[in-house]
N, C-alpha and C. Protein backbone atom coordinates (compact mmCIF):
# COMPACT_ATOMS: atom_id res chain seq x y z
N SER A 1 7.50 2.00 -54.80
CA SER A 1 7.42 1.30 -52.66
C SER A 1 6.25 0.89 -52.58
N SER A 2 5.57 0.78 -51.05
CA SER A 2 4.59 0.25 -50.81
C SER A 2 4.45 1.88 -50.28
N ALA A 3 4.82 2.68 -50.42
CA ALA A 3 4.54 4.20 -49.83
C ALA A 3 3.94 4.88 -51.18
N SER A 4 4.64 4.50 -52.34
CA SER A 4 3.91 5.19 -54.02
C SER A 4 2.65 4.98 -53.61
N ASP A 5 2.15 5.96 -55.43
CA ASP A 5 0.88 6.11 -55.29
C ASP A 5 0.66 6.19 -57.13
N ILE A 6 0.03 6.34 -58.04
CA ILE A 6 -0.53 7.40 -58.60
C ILE A 6 -2.09 8.10 -57.88
N ASP A 7 -1.50 8.91 -59.27
CA ASP A 7 -2.74 9.83 -58.89
C ASP A 7 -3.15 10.26 -59.97
N LEU A 8 -4.20 10.54 -61.00
CA LEU A 8 -4.75 10.50 -61.19
C LEU A 8 -5.88 11.30 -61.13
N THR A 9 -6.31 12.21 -62.27
CA THR A 9 -7.16 13.18 -62.02
C THR A 9 -7.90 13.73 -63.95
N VAL A 10 -9.71 12.98 -64.18
CA VAL A 10 -9.52 13.17 -64.99
C VAL A 10 -10.75 14.83 -65.34
N LEU A 11 -10.13 14.99 -66.68
CA LEU A 11 -10.01 16.94 -66.89
C LEU A 11 -10.94 16.80 -67.15
N LEU A 12 -12.24 17.10 -66.14
CA LEU A 12 -13.68 17.10 -67.08
C LEU A 12 -14.26 18.75 -66.03
N GLU A 13 -14.97 19.18 -66.40
CA GLU A 13 -15.86 20.22 -66.01
C GLU A 13 -17.48 19.60 -65.26
N LEU A 14 -17.14 19.01 -64.33
CA LEU A 14 -18.09 18.33 -64.08
C LEU A 14 -19.00 19.25 -62.53
N PRO A 15 -19.81 19.68 -61.96
CA PRO A 15 -20.57 20.15 -60.64
C PRO A 15 -20.36 18.86 -60.04
N PRO A 16 -20.21 19.51 -58.33
CA PRO A 16 -19.90 18.00 -57.53
C PRO A 16 -20.58 17.41 -57.33
N GLU A 17 -21.66 17.47 -57.49
CA GLU A 17 -22.47 16.22 -57.35
C GLU A 17 -22.57 14.90 -58.27
N LEU A 18 -22.01 15.76 -59.48
CA LEU A 18 -21.62 14.68 -60.73
C LEU A 18 -20.24 14.63 -61.52
N GLN A 19 -18.81 14.96 -60.50
CA GLN A 19 -17.92 14.24 -59.86
C GLN A 19 -17.48 13.06 -58.53
N ARG A 20 -18.71 13.17 -58.03
CA ARG A 20 -19.06 12.69 -57.41
C ARG A 20 -19.27 11.09 -57.24
N ARG A 21 -20.94 11.01 -58.02
CA ARG A 21 -21.02 10.16 -58.97
C ARG A 21 -19.97 9.61 -59.86
N LEU A 22 -19.68 9.86 -60.39
CA LEU A 22 -18.24 9.79 -60.87
C LEU A 22 -17.83 8.76 -60.59
N LEU A 23 -17.04 9.07 -59.29
CA LEU A 23 -16.41 8.14 -58.75
C LEU A 23 -16.26 7.21 -57.90
N SER A 24 -18.03 7.15 -57.81
CA SER A 24 -18.97 6.64 -56.97
C SER A 24 -18.51 5.47 -57.71
N ASP A 25 -19.87 6.22 -59.45
CA ASP A 25 -19.45 4.41 -60.64
C ASP A 25 -17.73 3.27 -60.10
N ILE A 26 -16.75 5.38 -60.69
CA ILE A 26 -15.85 4.33 -60.68
C ILE A 26 -15.09 3.32 -60.05
N ALA A 27 -15.77 3.04 -58.16
CA ALA A 27 -15.55 3.14 -57.06
C ALA A 27 -16.09 1.14 -58.11
N ASP A 28 -17.48 1.48 -57.93
CA ASP A 28 -18.07 0.29 -57.70
C ASP A 28 -17.30 -0.87 -59.34
N ALA A 29 -17.37 0.22 -60.54
CA ALA A 29 -16.22 -1.03 -61.32
C ALA A 29 -14.86 -1.65 -61.51
N PHE A 30 -14.73 -0.93 -60.42
CA PHE A 30 -13.39 -1.44 -60.31
C PHE A 30 -12.97 -2.40 -58.86
N GLY A 31 -13.73 -2.13 -58.03
CA GLY A 31 -14.57 -2.63 -56.71
C GLY A 31 -14.96 -4.70 -57.06
N SER A 32 -15.63 -4.18 -58.45
CA SER A 32 -16.40 -5.80 -58.53
C SER A 32 -14.84 -6.25 -59.68
N VAL A 33 -13.50 -5.91 -60.02
CA VAL A 33 -13.00 -6.82 -60.35
C VAL A 33 -12.04 -7.75 -59.32
N PRO A 34 -11.33 -9.18 -59.74
CA PRO A 34 -11.62 -9.56 -58.44
C PRO A 34 -10.06 -9.13 -58.09
N GLY A 35 -9.36 -9.06 -56.74
CA GLY A 35 -8.53 -8.69 -56.31
C GLY A 35 -8.45 -7.28 -55.91
N VAL A 36 -9.28 -6.58 -56.87
CA VAL A 36 -9.35 -4.73 -56.29
C VAL A 36 -9.73 -4.52 -55.37
N THR A 37 -9.10 -3.88 -54.56
CA THR A 37 -10.30 -2.46 -53.75
C THR A 37 -10.39 -1.52 -54.42
N ALA A 38 -11.63 -0.79 -54.50
CA ALA A 38 -11.09 0.21 -54.58
C ALA A 38 -12.74 1.18 -53.44
N THR A 39 -12.53 2.21 -53.17
CA THR A 39 -13.09 2.97 -52.56
C THR A 39 -13.73 4.94 -53.22
N ALA A 40 -14.18 5.15 -52.51
CA ALA A 40 -15.14 6.63 -53.31
C ALA A 40 -14.71 7.14 -51.88
N VAL A 41 -14.43 8.25 -51.69
CA VAL A 41 -13.74 8.46 -50.83
C VAL A 41 -14.05 10.44 -50.83
N LEU A 42 -16.06 10.32 -51.18
CA LEU A 42 -16.50 11.57 -51.10
C LEU A 42 -17.21 12.45 -50.56
N ALA A 43 -16.66 12.28 -49.51
CA ALA A 43 -16.62 13.15 -48.32
C ALA A 43 -15.12 14.95 -48.59
N ALA A 44 -14.27 13.51 -49.48
CA ALA A 44 -13.09 14.79 -48.69
C ALA A 44 -13.47 16.32 -49.25
N ARG A 45 -12.08 17.30 -49.18
CA ARG A 45 -11.84 18.38 -49.48
C ARG A 45 -12.13 18.34 -50.90
N VAL A 46 -10.85 17.83 -51.48
CA VAL A 46 -11.32 17.04 -52.97
C VAL A 46 -11.30 15.45 -53.25
N PRO A 47 -12.86 15.03 -53.77
CA PRO A 47 -13.20 13.62 -53.15
C PRO A 47 -12.27 13.17 -54.15
N ILE A 48 -11.98 11.58 -54.17
CA ILE A 48 -11.23 10.19 -54.99
C ILE A 48 -11.71 9.44 -54.87
N CYS A 49 -11.15 8.53 -55.83
CA CYS A 49 -11.51 7.28 -55.57
C CYS A 49 -10.78 6.90 -55.38
N THR A 50 -10.29 6.16 -54.32
CA THR A 50 -8.45 5.54 -53.61
C THR A 50 -8.47 3.74 -54.93
N MET A 51 -8.03 2.72 -54.93
CA MET A 51 -8.31 1.57 -55.77
C MET A 51 -7.17 1.18 -55.62
N THR A 52 -6.53 -0.28 -54.87
CA THR A 52 -5.46 -0.72 -54.78
C THR A 52 -5.42 -2.18 -55.44
N PHE A 53 -4.52 -2.78 -55.86
CA PHE A 53 -3.90 -3.14 -56.96
C PHE A 53 -3.08 -4.45 -56.56
N PRO A 54 -3.14 -5.27 -55.62
CA PRO A 54 -2.20 -5.72 -54.89
C PRO A 54 -0.93 -6.45 -55.49
N SER A 55 0.18 -6.58 -54.88
CA SER A 55 1.32 -6.56 -55.41
C SER A 55 1.62 -8.05 -57.03
N ASP A 56 0.45 -9.36 -56.33
CA ASP A 56 0.07 -10.07 -56.16
C ASP A 56 -0.85 -10.64 -57.80
N TRP A 57 -1.12 -9.00 -58.34
CA TRP A 57 -3.17 -9.40 -59.24
C TRP A 57 -2.67 -9.04 -60.84
N SER A 58 -2.48 -10.01 -61.16
CA SER A 58 -3.30 -9.65 -63.12
C SER A 58 -4.94 -9.71 -63.11
N SER A 59 -4.04 -9.00 -64.37
CA SER A 59 -5.39 -8.60 -64.82
C SER A 59 -6.15 -9.75 -65.36
N PRO A 60 -7.79 -9.66 -65.27
CA PRO A 60 -8.81 -10.26 -66.03
C PRO A 60 -8.95 -10.61 -67.35
N ALA A 61 -7.68 -9.72 -67.88
CA ALA A 61 -7.53 -9.98 -69.62
C ALA A 61 -6.08 -11.19 -69.75
N GLY A 62 -5.70 -10.88 -68.40
CA GLY A 62 -4.07 -11.63 -68.46
C GLY A 62 -2.95 -11.06 -68.34
N ALA A 63 -3.26 -9.85 -68.76
CA ALA A 63 -2.07 -8.84 -68.79
C ALA A 63 -1.17 -8.59 -67.78
N PRO A 64 1.14 -9.00 -68.39
CA PRO A 64 1.12 -9.34 -66.94
C PRO A 64 1.49 -7.71 -66.27
N LEU A 65 1.32 -7.75 -65.04
CA LEU A 65 1.40 -6.46 -64.63
C LEU A 65 3.08 -7.16 -62.45
N VAL A 66 4.02 -6.70 -63.21
CA VAL A 66 5.14 -6.98 -62.73
C VAL A 66 5.30 -5.51 -61.22
N LEU A 67 4.19 -5.85 -60.34
CA LEU A 67 4.83 -5.30 -58.94
C LEU A 67 5.41 -5.68 -57.61
N THR A 68 5.78 -4.51 -57.16
CA THR A 68 6.85 -5.38 -56.12
C THR A 68 6.27 -5.27 -54.38
N SER A 69 4.65 -3.88 -54.25
CA SER A 69 4.37 -4.30 -53.27
C SER A 69 2.83 -3.58 -53.88
N ASP A 70 2.21 -3.28 -53.37
CA ASP A 70 0.83 -3.30 -53.46
C ASP A 70 0.85 -1.53 -54.17
N LEU A 71 0.02 -1.33 -55.47
CA LEU A 71 -0.35 -0.09 -56.33
C LEU A 71 -0.94 0.15 -55.67
N VAL A 72 -1.23 1.46 -55.07
CA VAL A 72 -2.29 2.87 -54.67
C VAL A 72 -2.43 3.61 -56.23
N VAL A 73 -3.87 3.38 -56.56
CA VAL A 73 -4.12 4.94 -57.39
C VAL A 73 -5.29 5.19 -56.58
N ASP A 74 -5.40 7.00 -56.94
CA ASP A 74 -5.84 7.66 -56.55
C ASP A 74 -7.18 8.57 -57.36
N VAL A 75 -8.41 8.62 -57.55
CA VAL A 75 -7.70 9.64 -59.27
C VAL A 75 -8.95 10.39 -58.61
N SER A 76 -9.40 11.76 -58.87
CA SER A 76 -9.89 12.69 -58.63
C SER A 76 -10.57 13.42 -59.99
N VAL A 77 -11.98 14.54 -59.67
CA VAL A 77 -11.97 14.33 -60.89
C VAL A 77 -11.99 16.18 -61.69
N GLY A 78 -11.69 16.29 -62.45
CA GLY A 78 -10.99 18.06 -62.06
C GLY A 78 -9.95 18.83 -61.73
N ASN A 79 -9.40 18.21 -60.88
CA ASN A 79 -8.22 18.54 -60.13
C ASN A 79 -7.81 18.81 -60.73
N VAL A 80 -7.31 20.02 -61.56
CA VAL A 80 -6.17 20.89 -62.09
C VAL A 80 -5.35 21.00 -61.48
N ILE A 81 -6.04 22.38 -60.23
CA ILE A 81 -4.57 22.77 -59.76
C ILE A 81 -4.25 21.76 -58.81
N ALA A 82 -3.92 20.11 -58.91
CA ALA A 82 -3.21 19.42 -58.19
C ALA A 82 -1.78 19.01 -59.71
N LEU A 83 -2.23 18.84 -61.11
CA LEU A 83 -1.10 19.16 -61.77
C LEU A 83 -0.38 20.29 -61.68
N ASP A 84 -1.07 21.70 -61.27
CA ASP A 84 -0.03 22.42 -61.47
C ASP A 84 1.07 22.43 -59.92
N ASN A 85 0.38 21.50 -58.82
CA ASN A 85 1.64 21.12 -57.61
C ASN A 85 1.88 19.70 -58.67
N THR A 86 1.74 19.24 -59.46
CA THR A 86 3.06 18.38 -59.91
C THR A 86 3.63 18.65 -60.20
N ARG A 87 4.01 20.05 -61.37
CA ARG A 87 4.53 20.59 -62.21
C ARG A 87 5.61 21.46 -61.60
N LEU A 88 5.04 22.04 -60.09
CA LEU A 88 5.57 22.71 -59.47
C LEU A 88 7.09 21.82 -58.75
N ILE A 89 6.91 20.20 -57.87
CA ILE A 89 7.58 19.52 -57.32
C ILE A 89 8.80 19.29 -58.62
N ARG A 90 7.42 19.08 -59.41
CA ARG A 90 9.18 18.75 -60.63
C ARG A 90 10.19 19.55 -60.62
N THR A 91 9.45 20.11 -61.47
CA THR A 91 10.48 21.38 -61.56
C THR A 91 11.38 22.10 -60.74
N TYR A 92 11.24 21.34 -59.35
CA TYR A 92 12.34 21.65 -58.06
C TYR A 92 13.15 20.87 -58.09
N MET A 93 12.51 19.67 -58.75
CA MET A 93 13.14 18.08 -58.98
C MET A 93 14.40 18.45 -59.70
N GLU A 94 14.12 19.18 -60.87
CA GLU A 94 14.78 19.35 -62.17
C GLU A 94 15.93 20.72 -61.67
N VAL A 95 15.61 21.24 -60.57
CA VAL A 95 16.99 22.35 -60.47
C VAL A 95 17.78 21.51 -59.29
N ASP A 96 17.56 20.25 -58.67
CA ASP A 96 18.66 19.80 -57.43
C ASP A 96 18.29 18.99 -57.29
N GLU A 97 19.25 18.46 -58.18
CA GLU A 97 19.82 16.65 -57.78
C GLU A 97 19.16 16.50 -55.62
N CYS A 98 19.70 17.12 -55.01
CA CYS A 98 19.19 17.01 -53.17
C CYS A 98 17.79 17.70 -52.85
N ALA A 99 17.10 17.99 -54.02
CA ALA A 99 15.63 18.56 -53.62
C ALA A 99 15.05 17.52 -53.84
N TRP A 100 15.42 16.56 -54.52
CA TRP A 100 14.53 14.98 -55.03
C TRP A 100 14.53 14.42 -53.39
N GLN A 101 16.59 14.18 -53.25
CA GLN A 101 16.97 13.03 -52.44
C GLN A 101 16.17 13.86 -51.03
N LEU A 102 16.16 14.86 -50.59
CA LEU A 102 15.57 15.03 -49.18
C LEU A 102 14.21 14.99 -49.42
N CYS A 103 13.47 15.09 -50.60
CA CYS A 103 11.64 14.67 -50.28
C CYS A 103 11.52 13.54 -50.17
N LEU A 104 12.43 12.83 -51.05
CA LEU A 104 12.01 11.33 -50.89
C LEU A 104 12.88 10.94 -49.04
N LEU A 105 13.57 11.31 -48.42
CA LEU A 105 13.90 11.03 -47.37
C LEU A 105 12.60 11.51 -46.14
N VAL A 106 12.55 12.49 -46.57
CA VAL A 106 11.15 13.68 -45.49
C VAL A 106 9.94 12.67 -45.58
N LYS A 107 9.80 12.17 -46.63
CA LYS A 107 8.43 11.99 -47.15
C LYS A 107 8.04 10.39 -46.48
N ALA A 108 10.34 9.55 -46.72
CA ALA A 108 9.69 7.88 -45.46
C ALA A 108 9.44 8.35 -44.81
N TRP A 109 10.58 9.66 -43.72
CA TRP A 109 10.79 9.46 -42.43
C TRP A 109 8.90 9.67 -42.08
N ALA A 110 8.76 10.45 -42.68
CA ALA A 110 6.77 10.82 -42.67
C ALA A 110 6.13 9.99 -42.65
N ARG A 111 5.89 8.84 -43.53
CA ARG A 111 5.32 7.54 -43.36
C ARG A 111 5.29 6.73 -42.62
N ALA A 112 6.66 6.04 -42.41
CA ALA A 112 7.84 5.05 -41.15
C ALA A 112 6.37 6.13 -39.89
N ARG A 113 6.65 7.33 -39.79
CA ARG A 113 6.35 7.56 -38.29
C ARG A 113 4.46 7.92 -38.34
N ARG A 114 3.81 7.12 -39.45
CA ARG A 114 2.68 7.73 -39.43
C ARG A 114 2.01 9.40 -39.05
N VAL A 115 2.59 10.40 -39.92
CA VAL A 115 2.56 11.22 -39.99
C VAL A 115 2.18 12.06 -41.59
N CYS A 116 1.95 11.43 -42.17
CA CYS A 116 1.59 11.64 -43.64
C CYS A 116 0.30 11.18 -44.12
N SER A 117 -0.69 12.08 -43.61
CA SER A 117 -1.53 11.57 -44.35
C SER A 117 -2.93 12.64 -43.93
N ALA A 118 -3.46 13.19 -44.82
CA ALA A 118 -4.04 14.26 -44.91
C ALA A 118 -5.68 14.02 -44.03
N ARG A 119 -6.02 13.43 -44.99
CA ARG A 119 -7.77 12.58 -44.64
C ARG A 119 -7.56 12.30 -43.07
N HIS A 120 -5.92 12.11 -42.98
CA HIS A 120 -6.38 11.73 -40.85
C HIS A 120 -5.21 12.86 -40.42
N CYS A 121 -5.19 14.00 -40.65
CA CYS A 121 -5.09 15.80 -40.18
C CYS A 121 -4.24 16.26 -40.04
N PHE A 122 -3.18 15.01 -40.97
CA PHE A 122 -1.41 15.26 -41.06
C PHE A 122 -1.59 15.33 -42.58
N PRO A 123 0.11 16.40 -41.94
CA PRO A 123 0.26 17.40 -43.65
C PRO A 123 0.53 15.90 -44.72
N SER A 124 -0.02 16.35 -45.47
CA SER A 124 -0.09 15.92 -46.82
C SER A 124 1.49 15.30 -46.94
N SER A 125 1.69 13.79 -48.68
CA SER A 125 2.80 13.82 -49.10
C SER A 125 3.80 15.02 -49.65
N TYR A 126 2.44 15.42 -50.39
CA TYR A 126 3.06 17.20 -51.10
C TYR A 126 3.26 18.07 -50.13
N ALA A 127 2.63 17.77 -48.67
CA ALA A 127 3.01 19.08 -48.14
C ALA A 127 4.25 19.00 -47.25
N TRP A 128 4.79 17.58 -46.80
CA TRP A 128 6.17 17.45 -46.72
C TRP A 128 6.79 18.32 -47.61
N SER A 129 6.85 17.54 -48.95
CA SER A 129 7.44 17.79 -49.95
C SER A 129 8.20 20.03 -49.99
N LEU A 130 6.39 20.42 -49.89
CA LEU A 130 6.94 21.50 -50.19
C LEU A 130 7.84 21.75 -48.62
N LEU A 131 7.77 21.56 -47.20
CA LEU A 131 8.51 21.65 -45.90
C LEU A 131 9.84 21.00 -46.71
N ALA A 132 10.56 20.11 -47.93
CA ALA A 132 11.39 20.32 -47.70
C ALA A 132 12.41 21.13 -48.66
N ILE A 133 11.56 21.10 -49.83
CA ILE A 133 11.90 22.39 -50.78
C ILE A 133 12.04 24.12 -49.60
N CYS A 134 11.17 24.33 -48.99
CA CYS A 134 11.13 25.21 -47.77
C CYS A 134 12.60 25.50 -47.46
N HIS A 135 13.12 24.36 -46.97
CA HIS A 135 14.37 24.29 -45.86
C HIS A 135 15.16 23.97 -46.67
N LEU A 136 15.46 23.94 -48.08
CA LEU A 136 16.66 24.01 -48.99
C LEU A 136 16.59 25.30 -49.04
N GLN A 137 15.28 25.81 -49.86
CA GLN A 137 14.95 27.70 -49.90
C GLN A 137 16.21 27.86 -48.72
N HIS A 138 15.51 28.43 -47.73
CA HIS A 138 16.14 29.23 -47.00
C HIS A 138 17.33 28.29 -46.98
N LEU A 139 18.08 27.71 -46.92
CA LEU A 139 19.27 27.47 -46.93
C LEU A 139 19.51 28.29 -48.32
N GLY A 140 19.58 28.17 -49.54
CA GLY A 140 19.75 29.02 -50.39
C GLY A 140 20.80 28.34 -51.15
N GLN A 141 20.03 26.70 -51.00
CA GLN A 141 19.93 25.91 -52.16
C GLN A 141 18.78 25.57 -53.20
N LEU A 142 18.05 26.29 -52.84
CA LEU A 142 17.32 26.58 -53.97
C LEU A 142 16.41 27.93 -54.64
N PRO A 143 15.62 28.55 -54.96
CA PRO A 143 15.33 29.39 -55.51
C PRO A 143 13.97 29.47 -55.20
N ASN A 144 13.37 30.30 -55.35
CA ASN A 144 12.02 30.07 -54.57
C ASN A 144 11.12 30.51 -56.44
N LEU A 145 10.87 29.73 -57.02
CA LEU A 145 10.72 29.55 -58.03
C LEU A 145 8.97 30.27 -58.49
N GLN A 146 8.86 30.62 -57.40
CA GLN A 146 7.20 31.68 -57.07
C GLN A 146 7.64 32.91 -58.10
N GLY A 147 8.60 33.01 -56.72
CA GLY A 147 8.31 34.16 -57.05
C GLY A 147 9.47 35.31 -58.07
N LEU A 148 10.02 34.01 -59.12
CA LEU A 148 10.85 34.51 -60.24
C LEU A 148 9.85 35.44 -61.91
N GLY A 149 8.71 34.83 -61.29
CA GLY A 149 7.76 35.94 -62.54
C GLY A 149 7.18 36.99 -61.92
N ARG A 150 7.53 37.10 -60.21
CA ARG A 150 6.87 38.30 -60.37
C ARG A 150 7.92 40.08 -59.91
N PRO A 151 6.82 41.09 -60.48
CA PRO A 151 7.61 41.77 -61.05
C PRO A 151 8.25 42.44 -59.76
């Protein structure tokens, strides 16, 4: 959907200045590709490069890409905690189909009301998912997976 994106992290241990430089270079490289917009957001808590591929985009090599809406790709460097966050959310989604449905519904609601953007001081998509999961835990429908391994 138009509210979806792909989050990528480059698994390199680099000092912050080199991380920002790499993201800036990625933005410059993709920004020169016809039809693609790329911006390095270097002042963020976790610096990223955001690239947007329009729904009618085709690669310069002619490779087919079928999109029903614009594709947004966020690239970070060394953000390994994001991988843990992804695994946590995926595990909850596998525990109960209702969790997946509620998370999608809550995130769609937040996006429609424009209150889903960490860079604009609103909860992120991840935070909205955690709130939905917390609600289901409060109802007793989901376990606390983080608490299962504690003595």
